[in-house]
Protein backbone atom coordinates (compact mmCIF):
# COMPACT_ATOMS: atom_id res chain seq x y z
CA UNK A 1 178.76 93.77 69.66
CA UNK A 2 181.98 92.62 67.37
CA UNK A 3 181.59 89.41 65.13
CA UNK A 4 184.60 87.29 63.57
CA UNK A 5 182.70 85.24 60.20
CA UNK A 6 184.74 82.57 58.99
CA UNK A 7 184.01 80.01 56.30
CA UNK A 8 184.67 76.94 54.35
CA UNK A 9 182.46 76.28 51.53
CA UNK A 10 182.83 73.02 49.39
CA UNK A 11 184.14 73.97 45.85
CA UNK A 12 183.52 70.37 43.98
CA UNK A 13 181.29 71.55 41.16
CA UNK A 14 181.69 74.41 38.98
CA UNK A 15 178.60 75.35 40.37
CA UNK A 16 179.69 75.80 43.72
CA UNK A 17 181.66 79.35 43.14
CA UNK A 18 178.51 81.02 42.62
CA UNK A 19 177.50 80.08 46.13
CA UNK A 20 180.80 81.20 47.26
CA UNK A 21 180.80 84.96 46.27
CA UNK A 22 177.44 84.81 46.96
CA UNK A 23 178.15 84.24 50.75
CA UNK A 24 180.81 87.13 50.50
CA UNK A 25 178.81 89.62 49.00
CA UNK A 26 176.18 88.85 51.66
CA UNK A 27 179.19 89.12 54.56
CA UNK A 28 180.20 92.70 52.76
CA UNK A 29 177.02 94.07 53.34
CA UNK A 30 177.69 93.70 57.38
CA UNK A 31 180.85 93.69 57.96
CA UNK A 32 185.06 93.63 56.65
CA UNK A 33 186.25 91.55 54.34
CA UNK A 34 189.31 91.64 56.49
CA UNK A 35 190.90 87.84 54.72
CA UNK A 36 189.54 84.98 51.68
CA UNK A 37 187.31 83.71 54.46
CA UNK A 38 187.08 85.87 57.20
CA UNK A 39 184.92 88.95 58.29
CA UNK A 40 184.64 91.12 61.49
CA UNK A 41 183.50 94.03 62.93
CA UNK A 42 180.25 95.49 64.98
CA UNK A 43 176.64 94.67 64.14
CA UNK A 44 173.72 95.06 65.99
CA UNK A 45 171.28 92.16 67.08
CA UNK A 46 169.03 92.86 64.69
CA UNK A 47 171.89 93.10 61.48
CA UNK A 48 173.29 89.97 62.97
CA UNK A 49 169.75 87.67 62.82
CA UNK A 50 169.64 89.12 58.99
CA UNK A 51 172.96 88.03 58.22
CA UNK A 52 172.65 84.76 59.87
CA UNK A 53 169.25 84.63 57.74
CA UNK A 54 170.74 85.53 53.74
CA UNK A 55 173.81 83.57 54.28
CA UNK A 56 171.81 80.23 55.41
CA UNK A 57 169.29 81.55 52.81
CA UNK A 58 172.65 80.00 50.74
CA UNK A 59 174.85 77.48 52.41
CA UNK A 60 174.92 73.71 51.50
CA UNK A 61 174.58 72.77 54.92
CA UNK A 62 175.65 69.75 54.73
CA UNK A 63 178.83 70.53 52.63
CA UNK A 64 179.97 73.61 53.69
CA UNK A 65 180.96 74.78 57.16
CA UNK A 66 180.50 79.15 58.33
CA UNK A 67 181.45 80.27 61.97
CA UNK A 68 179.86 83.10 63.94
CA UNK A 69 181.64 84.31 66.97
CA UNK A 70 180.17 87.08 68.38
CA UNK A 71 181.84 89.06 71.45
CA UNK A 72 178.95 91.02 73.89
CA UNK A 73 179.58 95.22 74.02
CA UNK A 74 181.45 94.54 77.36
CA UNK A 75 183.91 91.87 75.96
CA UNK A 76 187.52 93.39 76.59
CA UNK A 77 190.02 91.88 73.71
CA UNK A 78 193.02 92.29 71.97
CA UNK A 79 194.23 91.95 68.03
CA UNK A 80 197.46 91.89 66.63
CA UNK A 81 198.13 91.72 62.95
CA UNK A 82 201.85 90.01 62.79
CA UNK A 83 202.12 91.01 59.33
CA UNK A 84 203.20 94.07 57.58
CA UNK A 85 199.78 93.91 55.90
CA UNK A 86 197.57 97.04 56.12
CA UNK A 87 194.69 96.46 58.93
CA UNK A 88 191.48 96.10 56.62
CA UNK A 89 189.34 97.20 59.35
CA UNK A 90 191.90 100.96 59.73
CA UNK A 91 189.46 102.68 57.49
CA UNK A 92 186.45 102.94 59.64
CA UNK A 93 185.09 105.98 61.52
């Protein structure tokens, strides 16, 4: 399945930056970093569950926002890059 993960981590206190860095590090283990707070990639159901569990152990559920969009393998979608920036997922095998 394909997922898109987006997040917004509250950065009101100095320690919040550590939480942001941890979320980014966790997401990079599973999927591709596309933009500042956006990740995408193919993932298995079991890895998705691990990703969610790891993130839930770090986020502040009252101040942060984390959204995961899931596209089943049979779902057809198109992806357009409208700028001259390189595709961050073009190095996939």
